[in-house]
């Protein structure tokens, strides 16, 4: 009996390094799919102002989704600039490739490829169409060349006014309609991820920050405003975050998690600090970041597609 116990103990010692390696590998996995990190798009207007956005694949087209304030002046409802550039990354997160597009907003606006919501802070810009093309299948090695059956593949065609300065081999990564959820599926207490490019943080130089990649924030849905169809998040946002995607984390089982796009970052929720200036006899009001943010539900983006 004693020898049997010693043999079992010896087997466990031999297996321990392998088991530990498996545990470490499992622990080093990302908490979200790698391609989700490719969703955010950095928007840079010709005048230097920035915003965030994401691509949406729908109706055999690729759309750029962002906050209306990034593209249009809220007071005049005119374009903030005539052109902008888009930076995004491929599915392979460790790839050195990037996607750079340049958009001529004047051309796209005349072609009615820019659609802004009349009352909500969202805008939709069609940048490409998706077509199916037939290409012949290659003959097997050693076969006599002969007509072979064709295979169907998809191809992205950029619209007039959209210039592909640089495109990765895997192309643009967009949110599919299968991975969106409307306002009626969003509950207070749902866990969320916020993606964005808060470029205003770079106004105070810090060599340890890197703004060529988006930053993530994790939080919960703190509240909702059903009459206004707005989502309140318990995460602060900053200049540059506007237009970024908000993902809801759905835990279907201990081993299965889904990520659904539920909205578009709109603004931070300010709080007012009011105080009396005793010397001059007037009241001062200072607006500050409360730490809460407001997101526009994806419903209004879907309205623009329809």
C-alpha atoms as a PDB file:
ATOM      1  CA  UNK A   1       0.000   0.000   0.000  1.00  0.00           C
ATOM      2  CA  UNK A   2       2.832   2.337   0.930  1.00  0.00           C
ATOM      3  CA  UNK A   3       4.591   1.688  -2.399  1.00  0.00           C
ATOM      4  CA  UNK A   4       1.347   2.369  -4.307  1.00  0.00           C
ATOM      5  CA  UNK A   5       0.947   5.740  -2.597  1.00  0.00           C
ATOM      6  CA  UNK A   6       4.556   6.638  -3.408  1.00  0.00           C
ATOM      7  CA  UNK A   7       4.014   5.735  -7.085  1.00  0.00           C
ATOM      8  CA  UNK A   8       0.903   7.951  -7.275  1.00  0.00           C
ATOM      9  CA  UNK A   9       2.776  10.807  -5.627  1.00  0.00           C
ATOM     10  CA  UNK A  10       5.595  10.366  -8.157  1.00  0.00           C
ATOM     11  CA  UNK A  11       3.144  10.549 -11.077  1.00  0.00           C
ATOM     12  CA  UNK A  12       1.705  13.802  -9.684  1.00  0.00           C
ATOM     13  CA  UNK A  13       5.178  15.308  -9.411  1.00  0.00           C
ATOM     14  CA  UNK A  14       5.916  14.389 -13.035  1.00  0.00           C
ATOM     15  CA  UNK A  15       2.618  15.869 -14.237  1.00  0.00           C
ATOM     16  CA  UNK A  16       2.884  19.026 -12.140  1.00  0.00           C
ATOM     17  CA  UNK A  17       4.992  21.153 -14.556  1.00  0.00           C
ATOM     18  CA  UNK A  18       2.618  20.349 -17.454  1.00  0.00           C
ATOM     19  CA  UNK A  19      -0.452  21.117 -15.362  1.00  0.00           C
ATOM     20  CA  UNK A  20       1.062  24.361 -14.107  1.00  0.00           C
ATOM     21  CA  UNK A  21       1.917  25.371 -17.690  1.00  0.00           C
ATOM     22  CA  UNK A  22      -1.686  24.716 -18.771  1.00  0.00           C
ATOM     23  CA  UNK A  23      -3.016  26.825 -15.904  1.00  0.00           C
ATOM     24  CA  UNK A  24      -0.624  29.677 -16.710  1.00  0.00           C
ATOM     25  CA  UNK A  25      -1.559  29.589 -20.411  1.00  0.00           C
ATOM     26  CA  UNK A  26      -5.251  29.685 -19.543  1.00  0.00           C
ATOM     27  CA  UNK A  27      -4.691  32.580 -17.159  1.00  0.00           C
ATOM     28  CA  UNK A  28      -2.798  34.557 -19.815  1.00  0.00           C
ATOM     29  CA  UNK A  29      -5.696  34.575 -22.267  1.00  0.00           C
ATOM     30  CA  UNK A  30      -7.424  37.858 -22.968  1.00  0.00           C
ATOM     31  CA  UNK A  31     -10.754  38.522 -21.296  1.00  0.00           C
ATOM     32  CA  UNK A  32     -12.195  39.525 -24.696  1.00  0.00           C
ATOM     33  CA  UNK A  33     -11.718  38.155 -28.243  1.00  0.00           C
ATOM     34  CA  UNK A  34      -8.637  39.549 -29.963  1.00  0.00           C
ATOM     35  CA  UNK A  35     -10.605  40.890 -32.927  1.00  0.00           C
ATOM     36  CA  UNK A  36     -12.755  43.019 -30.598  1.00  0.00           C
ATOM     37  CA  UNK A  37      -9.642  45.091 -29.944  1.00  0.00           C
ATOM     38  CA  UNK A  38      -9.703  45.960 -33.655  1.00  0.00           C
ATOM     39  CA  UNK A  39     -13.178  47.571 -33.428  1.00  0.00           C
ATOM     40  CA  UNK A  40     -12.174  51.126 -32.415  1.00  0.00           C
ATOM     41  CA  UNK A  41     -11.292  53.612 -35.165  1.00  0.00           C
ATOM     42  CA  UNK A  42      -9.293  56.785 -34.564  1.00  0.00           C
ATOM     43  CA  UNK A  43     -10.859  59.680 -36.470  1.00  0.00           C
ATOM     44  CA  UNK A  44      -8.629  62.673 -37.201  1.00  0.00           C
ATOM     45  CA  UNK A  45     -10.103  65.667 -38.996  1.00  0.00           C
ATOM     46  CA  UNK A  46      -8.023  67.887 -41.247  1.00  0.00           C
ATOM     47  CA  UNK A  47      -8.228  70.663 -38.628  1.00  0.00           C
ATOM     48  CA  UNK A  48      -6.571  68.383 -36.052  1.00  0.00           C
ATOM     49  CA  UNK A  49      -9.583  67.554 -33.896  1.00  0.00           C
ATOM     50  CA  UNK A  50     -10.140  63.873 -33.130  1.00  0.00           C
ATOM     51  CA  UNK A  51     -12.868  61.419 -32.218  1.00  0.00           C
ATOM     52  CA  UNK A  52     -13.529  57.703 -32.031  1.00  0.00           C
ATOM     53  CA  UNK A  53     -15.726  55.401 -34.079  1.00  0.00           C
ATOM     54  CA  UNK A  54     -16.156  51.864 -35.352  1.00  0.00           C
ATOM     55  CA  UNK A  55     -17.072  50.047 -38.546  1.00  0.00           C
ATOM     56  CA  UNK A  56     -20.437  48.300 -38.893  1.00  0.00           C
ATOM     57  CA  UNK A  57     -21.058  45.578 -41.481  1.00  0.00           C
ATOM     58  CA  UNK A  58     -24.663  45.688 -42.683  1.00  0.00           C
ATOM     59  CA  UNK A  59     -26.734  45.476 -45.847  1.00  0.00           C
ATOM     60  CA  UNK A  60     -23.721  44.420 -47.976  1.00  0.00           C
ATOM     61  CA  UNK A  61     -21.902  47.593 -47.023  1.00  0.00           C
ATOM     62  CA  UNK A  62     -19.340  48.881 -44.540  1.00  0.00           C
ATOM     63  CA  UNK A  63     -20.301  51.938 -42.507  1.00  0.00           C
ATOM     64  CA  UNK A  64     -18.327  54.169 -40.177  1.00  0.00           C
ATOM     65  CA  UNK A  65     -20.315  54.879 -37.014  1.00  0.00           C
ATOM     66  CA  UNK A  66     -19.431  57.780 -34.745  1.00  0.00           C
ATOM     67  CA  UNK A  67     -20.970  60.609 -32.731  1.00  0.00           C
ATOM     68  CA  UNK A  68     -22.599  63.337 -34.806  1.00  0.00           C
ATOM     69  CA  UNK A  69     -20.644  66.023 -32.929  1.00  0.00           C
ATOM     70  CA  UNK A  70     -17.397  64.600 -34.344  1.00  0.00           C
ATOM     71  CA  UNK A  71     -18.499  65.260 -37.941  1.00  0.00           C
ATOM     72  CA  UNK A  72     -21.041  68.095 -37.666  1.00  0.00           C
ATOM     73  CA  UNK A  73     -21.071  71.415 -35.838  1.00  0.00           C
ATOM     74  CA  UNK A  74     -23.934  71.098 -33.292  1.00  0.00           C
ATOM     75  CA  UNK A  75     -24.890  74.772 -33.697  1.00  0.00           C
ATOM     76  CA  UNK A  76     -24.928  75.086 -37.493  1.00  0.00           C
ATOM     77  CA  UNK A  77     -25.354  71.413 -38.472  1.00  0.00           C
ATOM     78  CA  UNK A  78     -22.631  71.891 -41.077  1.00  0.00           C
ATOM     79  CA  UNK A  79     -19.574  69.690 -41.574  1.00  0.00           C
ATOM     80  CA  UNK A  80     -16.755  70.418 -39.126  1.00  0.00           C
ATOM     81  CA  UNK A  81     -14.216  69.896 -41.929  1.00  0.00           C
ATOM     82  CA  UNK A  82     -13.933  68.781 -45.532  1.00  0.00           C
ATOM     83  CA  UNK A  83     -11.844  65.656 -44.950  1.00  0.00           C
ATOM     84  CA  UNK A  84     -10.676  63.229 -42.292  1.00  0.00           C
ATOM     85  CA  UNK A  85      -8.460  60.166 -41.869  1.00  0.00           C
ATOM     86  CA  UNK A  86      -9.282  56.836 -40.227  1.00  0.00           C
ATOM     87  CA  UNK A  87      -6.834  54.573 -38.418  1.00  0.00           C
ATOM     88  CA  UNK A  88      -7.768  51.018 -37.439  1.00  0.00           C
ATOM     89  CA  UNK A  89      -6.081  47.656 -36.932  1.00  0.00           C
ATOM     90  CA  UNK A  90      -6.501  44.133 -38.378  1.00  0.00           C
ATOM     91  CA  UNK A  91      -7.839  41.077 -36.560  1.00  0.00           C
ATOM     92  CA  UNK A  92      -4.338  39.854 -35.737  1.00  0.00           C
ATOM     93  CA  UNK A  93      -3.637  42.072 -32.767  1.00  0.00           C
ATOM     94  CA  UNK A  94       0.127  41.499 -32.910  1.00  0.00           C
ATOM     95  CA  UNK A  95       0.329  42.400 -36.608  1.00  0.00           C
ATOM     96  CA  UNK A  96       2.401  45.411 -37.605  1.00  0.00           C
ATOM     97  CA  UNK A  97      -0.132  46.224 -40.356  1.00  0.00           C
ATOM     98  CA  UNK A  98      -2.612  49.064 -40.121  1.00  0.00           C
ATOM     99  CA  UNK A  99      -5.625  50.340 -42.037  1.00  0.00           C
ATOM    100  CA  UNK A 100      -5.505  53.974 -43.158  1.00  0.00           C
ATOM    101  CA  UNK A 101      -8.433  55.530 -45.032  1.00  0.00           C
ATOM    102  CA  UNK A 102      -8.894  59.127 -46.126  1.00  0.00           C
ATOM    103  CA  UNK A 103     -12.438  60.451 -46.571  1.00  0.00           C
ATOM    104  CA  UNK A 104     -13.456  63.442 -48.669  1.00  0.00           C
ATOM    105  CA  UNK A 105     -16.558  64.487 -46.741  1.00  0.00           C
ATOM    106  CA  UNK A 106     -17.700  66.883 -49.450  1.00  0.00           C
ATOM    107  CA  UNK A 107     -17.956  64.081 -52.034  1.00  0.00           C
ATOM    108  CA  UNK A 108     -19.607  61.652 -49.597  1.00  0.00           C
ATOM    109  CA  UNK A 109     -22.068  64.293 -48.409  1.00  0.00           C
ATOM    110  CA  UNK A 110     -23.136  65.178 -51.955  1.00  0.00           C
ATOM    111  CA  UNK A 111     -23.691  61.483 -52.684  1.00  0.00           C
ATOM    112  CA  UNK A 112     -25.875  61.214 -49.547  1.00  0.00           C
ATOM    113  CA  UNK A 113     -23.465  58.658 -48.076  1.00  0.00           C
ATOM    114  CA  UNK A 114     -23.386  60.600 -44.796  1.00  0.00           C
ATOM    115  CA  UNK A 115     -26.516  60.244 -42.685  1.00  0.00           C
ATOM    116  CA  UNK A 116     -26.912  61.990 -39.345  1.00  0.00           C
ATOM    117  CA  UNK A 117     -29.767  61.333 -36.953  1.00  0.00           C
ATOM    118  CA  UNK A 118     -32.107  64.333 -36.665  1.00  0.00           C
ATOM    119  CA  UNK A 119     -32.285  64.237 -32.859  1.00  0.00           C
ATOM    120  CA  UNK A 120     -29.602  61.846 -31.553  1.00  0.00           C
ATOM    121  CA  UNK A 121     -25.805  62.099 -31.382  1.00  0.00           C
ATOM    122  CA  UNK A 122     -24.993  59.497 -34.039  1.00  0.00           C
ATOM    123  CA  UNK A 123     -23.872  59.656 -37.662  1.00  0.00           C
ATOM    124  CA  UNK A 124     -23.402  56.948 -40.273  1.00  0.00           C
ATOM    125  CA  UNK A 125     -20.925  57.218 -43.161  1.00  0.00           C
ATOM    126  CA  UNK A 126     -20.951  54.605 -45.904  1.00  0.00           C
ATOM    127  CA  UNK A 127     -17.347  53.899 -46.894  1.00  0.00           C
ATOM    128  CA  UNK A 128     -17.536  50.700 -48.955  1.00  0.00           C
ATOM    129  CA  UNK A 129     -19.794  48.142 -50.580  1.00  0.00           C
ATOM    130  CA  UNK A 130     -19.341  44.391 -50.300  1.00  0.00           C
ATOM    131  CA  UNK A 131     -19.718  42.392 -53.530  1.00  0.00           C
ATOM    132  CA  UNK A 132     -19.392  38.717 -54.341  1.00  0.00           C
ATOM    133  CA  UNK A 133     -16.987  37.837 -57.148  1.00  0.00           C
ATOM    134  CA  UNK A 134     -16.283  34.556 -58.864  1.00  0.00           C
ATOM    135  CA  UNK A 135     -12.699  33.354 -59.082  1.00  0.00           C
ATOM    136  CA  UNK A 136     -11.541  30.048 -60.609  1.00  0.00           C
ATOM    137  CA  UNK A 137     -10.333  27.392 -58.222  1.00  0.00           C
ATOM    138  CA  UNK A 138      -6.682  26.427 -58.863  1.00  0.00           C
ATOM    139  CA  UNK A 139      -5.987  23.007 -60.358  1.00  0.00           C
ATOM    140  CA  UNK A 140      -4.273  20.451 -58.159  1.00  0.00           C
ATOM    141  CA  UNK A 141      -0.546  19.968 -58.669  1.00  0.00           C
ATOM    142  CA  UNK A 142       0.098  17.609 -61.585  1.00  0.00           C
ATOM    143  CA  UNK A 143      -3.363  17.999 -63.132  1.00  0.00           C
ATOM    144  CA  UNK A 144      -3.749  18.958 -66.752  1.00  0.00           C
ATOM    145  CA  UNK A 145      -4.871  22.591 -66.914  1.00  0.00           C
ATOM    146  CA  UNK A 146      -8.572  22.668 -67.592  1.00  0.00           C
ATOM    147  CA  UNK A 147     -11.490  24.917 -66.819  1.00  0.00           C
ATOM    148  CA  UNK A 148     -12.178  24.552 -63.098  1.00  0.00           C
ATOM    149  CA  UNK A 149     -15.270  25.421 -61.088  1.00  0.00           C
ATOM    150  CA  UNK A 150     -15.308  28.924 -59.699  1.00  0.00           C
ATOM    151  CA  UNK A 151     -15.356  29.874 -56.042  1.00  0.00           C
ATOM    152  CA  UNK A 152     -17.306  32.772 -54.558  1.00  0.00           C
ATOM    153  CA  UNK A 153     -15.468  35.299 -52.434  1.00  0.00           C
ATOM    154  CA  UNK A 154     -16.319  38.709 -51.066  1.00  0.00           C
ATOM    155  CA  UNK A 155     -14.563  41.888 -52.083  1.00  0.00           C
ATOM    156  CA  UNK A 156     -14.747  45.348 -50.539  1.00  0.00           C
ATOM    157  CA  UNK A 157     -15.068  48.245 -52.976  1.00  0.00           C
ATOM    158  CA  UNK A 158     -14.314  51.679 -51.525  1.00  0.00           C
ATOM    159  CA  UNK A 159     -16.776  54.399 -52.503  1.00  0.00           C
ATOM    160  CA  UNK A 160     -15.825  57.536 -54.447  1.00  0.00           C
ATOM    161  CA  UNK A 161     -14.379  59.942 -51.914  1.00  0.00           C
ATOM    162  CA  UNK A 162     -12.759  57.144 -49.892  1.00  0.00           C
ATOM    163  CA  UNK A 163      -9.056  56.506 -50.502  1.00  0.00           C
ATOM    164  CA  UNK A 164      -7.327  53.444 -49.091  1.00  0.00           C
ATOM    165  CA  UNK A 165      -3.882  54.783 -48.196  1.00  0.00           C
ATOM    166  CA  UNK A 166      -2.969  51.488 -46.509  1.00  0.00           C
ATOM    167  CA  UNK A 167      -4.987  48.294 -46.046  1.00  0.00           C
ATOM    168  CA  UNK A 168      -4.059  45.160 -44.113  1.00  0.00           C
ATOM    169  CA  UNK A 169      -4.383  41.697 -45.648  1.00  0.00           C
ATOM    170  CA  UNK A 170      -7.481  40.938 -43.549  1.00  0.00           C
ATOM    171  CA  UNK A 171      -9.105  44.309 -44.260  1.00  0.00           C
ATOM    172  CA  UNK A 172     -11.412  46.378 -42.099  1.00  0.00           C
ATOM    173  CA  UNK A 173     -12.805  44.778 -38.949  1.00  0.00           C
ATOM    174  CA  UNK A 174     -16.424  45.723 -38.320  1.00  0.00           C
ATOM    175  CA  UNK A 175     -19.208  44.855 -35.909  1.00  0.00           C
ATOM    176  CA  UNK A 176     -21.764  42.576 -37.574  1.00  0.00           C
ATOM    177  CA  UNK A 177     -25.512  42.973 -37.066  1.00  0.00           C
ATOM    178  CA  UNK A 178     -25.473  39.606 -35.299  1.00  0.00           C
ATOM    179  CA  UNK A 179     -23.394  41.210 -32.557  1.00  0.00           C
ATOM    180  CA  UNK A 180     -25.600  44.187 -31.733  1.00  0.00           C
ATOM    181  CA  UNK A 181     -28.327  44.468 -29.115  1.00  0.00           C
ATOM    182  CA  UNK A 182     -30.990  47.133 -28.896  1.00  0.00           C
ATOM    183  CA  UNK A 183     -32.008  49.292 -25.936  1.00  0.00           C
ATOM    184  CA  UNK A 184     -34.694  46.886 -24.738  1.00  0.00           C
ATOM    185  CA  UNK A 185     -32.000  44.250 -24.092  1.00  0.00           C
ATOM    186  CA  UNK A 186     -29.851  46.573 -21.955  1.00  0.00           C
ATOM    187  CA  UNK A 187     -30.346  46.259 -18.201  1.00  0.00           C
ATOM    188  CA  UNK A 188     -29.063  48.329 -15.305  1.00  0.00           C
ATOM    189  CA  UNK A 189     -26.181  46.385 -13.805  1.00  0.00           C
ATOM    190  CA  UNK A 190     -24.997  44.893 -17.115  1.00  0.00           C
ATOM    191  CA  UNK A 191     -21.202  44.854 -17.376  1.00  0.00           C
ATOM    192  CA  UNK A 192     -19.813  46.915 -20.256  1.00  0.00           C
ATOM    193  CA  UNK A 193     -16.588  47.737 -22.081  1.00  0.00           C
ATOM    194  CA  UNK A 194     -15.928  51.216 -23.446  1.00  0.00           C
ATOM    195  CA  UNK A 195     -13.439  51.697 -26.299  1.00  0.00           C
ATOM    196  CA  UNK A 196     -12.038  55.027 -27.361  1.00  0.00           C
ATOM    197  CA  UNK A 197      -9.144  57.309 -28.185  1.00  0.00           C
ATOM    198  CA  UNK A 198      -9.085  59.908 -25.361  1.00  0.00           C
ATOM    199  CA  UNK A 199      -6.466  62.016 -27.136  1.00  0.00           C
ATOM    200  CA  UNK A 200      -7.055  64.918 -24.745  1.00  0.00           C
ATOM    201  CA  UNK A 201      -5.022  62.976 -22.170  1.00  0.00           C
ATOM    202  CA  UNK A 202      -1.971  63.624 -24.359  1.00  0.00           C
ATOM    203  CA  UNK A 203      -2.263  67.390 -23.800  1.00  0.00           C
ATOM    204  CA  UNK A 204      -0.156  66.817 -20.686  1.00  0.00           C
ATOM    205  CA  UNK A 205       2.896  65.021 -22.158  1.00  0.00           C
ATOM    206  CA  UNK A 206       3.651  61.629 -20.655  1.00  0.00           C
ATOM    207  CA  UNK A 207       6.094  59.374 -22.515  1.00  0.00           C
ATOM    208  CA  UNK A 208       4.537  56.274 -20.947  1.00  0.00           C
ATOM    209  CA  UNK A 209       1.174  56.764 -22.674  1.00  0.00           C
ATOM    210  CA  UNK A 210       0.549  55.573 -26.234  1.00  0.00           C
ATOM    211  CA  UNK A 211      -2.305  57.083 -28.191  1.00  0.00           C
ATOM    212  CA  UNK A 212      -1.885  55.158 -31.437  1.00  0.00           C
ATOM    213  CA  UNK A 213      -3.938  52.418 -29.771  1.00  0.00           C
ATOM    214  CA  UNK A 214      -7.351  52.772 -28.146  1.00  0.00           C
ATOM    215  CA  UNK A 215      -7.866  52.565 -24.394  1.00  0.00           C
ATOM    216  CA  UNK A 216     -10.480  50.377 -22.721  1.00  0.00           C
ATOM    217  CA  UNK A 217     -12.613  51.006 -19.655  1.00  0.00           C
ATOM    218  CA  UNK A 218     -14.745  48.427 -17.892  1.00  0.00           C
ATOM    219  CA  UNK A 219     -17.836  49.288 -15.890  1.00  0.00           C
ATOM    220  CA  UNK A 220     -21.562  48.730 -15.606  1.00  0.00           C
ATOM    221  CA  UNK A 221     -24.766  50.271 -16.881  1.00  0.00           C
ATOM    222  CA  UNK A 222     -25.444  52.642 -13.981  1.00  0.00           C
ATOM    223  CA  UNK A 223     -28.884  53.716 -15.177  1.00  0.00           C
ATOM    224  CA  UNK A 224     -31.199  54.362 -18.100  1.00  0.00           C
ATOM    225  CA  UNK A 225     -33.478  57.151 -19.248  1.00  0.00           C
ATOM    226  CA  UNK A 226     -36.304  55.298 -21.064  1.00  0.00           C
ATOM    227  CA  UNK A 227     -38.115  58.433 -22.348  1.00  0.00           C
ATOM    228  CA  UNK A 228     -34.872  59.767 -23.858  1.00  0.00           C
ATOM    229  CA  UNK A 229     -33.500  56.314 -24.744  1.00  0.00           C
ATOM    230  CA  UNK A 230     -30.110  57.071 -23.210  1.00  0.00           C
ATOM    231  CA  UNK A 231     -27.716  54.758 -21.371  1.00  0.00           C
ATOM    232  CA  UNK A 232     -25.826  56.019 -18.317  1.00  0.00           C
ATOM    233  CA  UNK A 233     -22.461  54.376 -17.632  1.00  0.00           C
ATOM    234  CA  UNK A 234     -20.417  54.494 -14.436  1.00  0.00           C
ATOM    235  CA  UNK A 235     -17.230  55.243 -16.371  1.00  0.00           C
ATOM    236  CA  UNK A 236     -15.731  58.664 -17.102  1.00  0.00           C
ATOM    237  CA  UNK A 237     -15.052  59.681 -20.694  1.00  0.00           C
ATOM    238  CA  UNK A 238     -12.873  62.406 -22.111  1.00  0.00           C
ATOM    239  CA  UNK A 239     -12.398  64.480 -25.243  1.00  0.00           C
ATOM    240  CA  UNK A 240     -11.619  62.078 -28.083  1.00  0.00           C
ATOM    241  CA  UNK A 241     -13.754  59.234 -26.704  1.00  0.00           C
ATOM    242  CA  UNK A 242     -16.919  60.488 -28.429  1.00  0.00           C
ATOM    243  CA  UNK A 243     -18.176  58.022 -31.043  1.00  0.00           C
ATOM    244  CA  UNK A 244     -16.464  54.940 -29.638  1.00  0.00           C
ATOM    245  CA  UNK A 245     -18.316  51.605 -29.321  1.00  0.00           C
ATOM    246  CA  UNK A 246     -19.865  50.332 -26.089  1.00  0.00           C
ATOM    247  CA  UNK A 247     -19.954  46.544 -25.701  1.00  0.00           C
ATOM    248  CA  UNK A 248     -22.127  44.621 -23.259  1.00  0.00           C
ATOM    249  CA  UNK A 249     -20.576  41.561 -21.635  1.00  0.00           C
ATOM    250  CA  UNK A 250     -22.954  38.588 -21.585  1.00  0.00           C
ATOM    251  CA  UNK A 251     -22.003  35.584 -19.457  1.00  0.00           C
ATOM    252  CA  UNK A 252     -24.152  32.742 -20.803  1.00  0.00           C
ATOM    253  CA  UNK A 253     -22.344  30.104 -18.768  1.00  0.00           C
ATOM    254  CA  UNK A 254     -19.152  29.829 -16.714  1.00  0.00           C
ATOM    255  CA  UNK A 255     -17.347  28.961 -19.955  1.00  0.00           C
ATOM    256  CA  UNK A 256     -19.132  31.082 -22.591  1.00  0.00           C
ATOM    257  CA  UNK A 257     -19.110  34.865 -22.843  1.00  0.00           C
ATOM    258  CA  UNK A 258     -20.551  37.023 -25.633  1.00  0.00           C
ATOM    259  CA  UNK A 259     -19.866  40.673 -26.415  1.00  0.00           C
ATOM    260  CA  UNK A 260     -22.662  42.742 -27.953  1.00  0.00           C
ATOM    261  CA  UNK A 261     -22.445  46.289 -29.279  1.00  0.00           C
ATOM    262  CA  UNK A 262     -25.170  48.297 -27.520  1.00  0.00           C
ATOM    263  CA  UNK A 263     -24.318  51.907 -28.205  1.00  0.00           C
ATOM    264  CA  UNK A 264     -22.126  54.833 -29.167  1.00  0.00           C
ATOM    265  CA  UNK A 265     -20.269  57.001 -26.659  1.00  0.00           C
ATOM    266  CA  UNK A 266     -21.746  60.489 -26.633  1.00  0.00           C
ATOM    267  CA  UNK A 267     -20.449  62.576 -23.723  1.00  0.00           C
ATOM    268  CA  UNK A 268     -19.486  62.711 -20.098  1.00  0.00           C
ATOM    269  CA  UNK A 269     -22.125  63.691 -17.548  1.00  0.00           C
ATOM    270  CA  UNK A 270     -21.004  66.938 -15.856  1.00  0.00           C
ATOM    271  CA  UNK A 271     -21.768  68.051 -12.347  1.00  0.00           C
ATOM    272  CA  UNK A 272     -21.943  71.697 -11.338  1.00  0.00           C
ATOM    273  CA  UNK A 273     -19.869  73.100  -8.498  1.00  0.00           C
ATOM    274  CA  UNK A 274     -21.568  76.360  -7.494  1.00  0.00           C
ATOM    275  CA  UNK A 275     -20.099  78.829  -5.012  1.00  0.00           C
ATOM    276  CA  UNK A 276     -20.533  82.441  -3.966  1.00  0.00           C
ATOM    277  CA  UNK A 277     -17.753  84.924  -4.557  1.00  0.00           C
ATOM    278  CA  UNK A 278     -18.082  86.951  -1.333  1.00  0.00           C
ATOM    279  CA  UNK A 279     -15.679  89.667  -2.470  1.00  0.00           C
ATOM    280  CA  UNK A 280     -17.382  90.445  -5.790  1.00  0.00           C
ATOM    281  CA  UNK A 281     -20.886  89.365  -4.791  1.00  0.00           C
ATOM    282  CA  UNK A 282     -21.695  86.963  -7.632  1.00  0.00           C
ATOM    283  CA  UNK A 283     -22.163  83.202  -7.998  1.00  0.00           C
ATOM    284  CA  UNK A 284     -19.627  81.074  -9.868  1.00  0.00           C
ATOM    285  CA  UNK A 285     -20.525  77.741 -11.477  1.00  0.00           C
ATOM    286  CA  UNK A 286     -17.836  75.308 -12.572  1.00  0.00           C
ATOM    287  CA  UNK A 287     -18.668  72.205 -14.605  1.00  0.00           C
ATOM    288  CA  UNK A 288     -16.584  69.121 -13.902  1.00  0.00           C
ATOM    289  CA  UNK A 289     -16.495  65.493 -15.007  1.00  0.00           C
ATOM    290  CA  UNK A 290     -18.783  63.512 -12.692  1.00  0.00           C
ATOM    291  CA  UNK A 291     -17.298  60.131 -13.609  1.00  0.00           C
ATOM    292  CA  UNK A 292     -20.493  59.094 -15.407  1.00  0.00           C
ATOM    293  CA  UNK A 293     -20.933  59.002 -19.182  1.00  0.00           C
ATOM    294  CA  UNK A 294     -23.861  59.014 -21.608  1.00  0.00           C
ATOM    295  CA  UNK A 295     -24.135  56.563 -24.498  1.00  0.00           C
ATOM    296  CA  UNK A 296     -26.594  56.610 -27.394  1.00  0.00           C
ATOM    297  CA  UNK A 297     -28.252  53.209 -27.994  1.00  0.00           C
ATOM    298  CA  UNK A 298     -27.422  51.329 -31.197  1.00  0.00           C
ATOM    299  CA  UNK A 299     -31.134  51.554 -32.111  1.00  0.00           C
ATOM    300  CA  UNK A 300     -30.631  55.001 -33.642  1.00  0.00           C
ATOM    301  CA  UNK A 301     -27.765  53.710 -35.799  1.00  0.00           C
ATOM    302  CA  UNK A 302     -30.010  50.930 -37.079  1.00  0.00           C
ATOM    303  CA  UNK A 303     -32.664  53.566 -37.894  1.00  0.00           C
ATOM    304  CA  UNK A 304     -30.174  55.293 -40.205  1.00  0.00           C
ATOM    305  CA  UNK A 305     -29.404  52.021 -41.989  1.00  0.00           C
ATOM    306  CA  UNK A 306     -33.096  51.389 -42.590  1.00  0.00           C
END
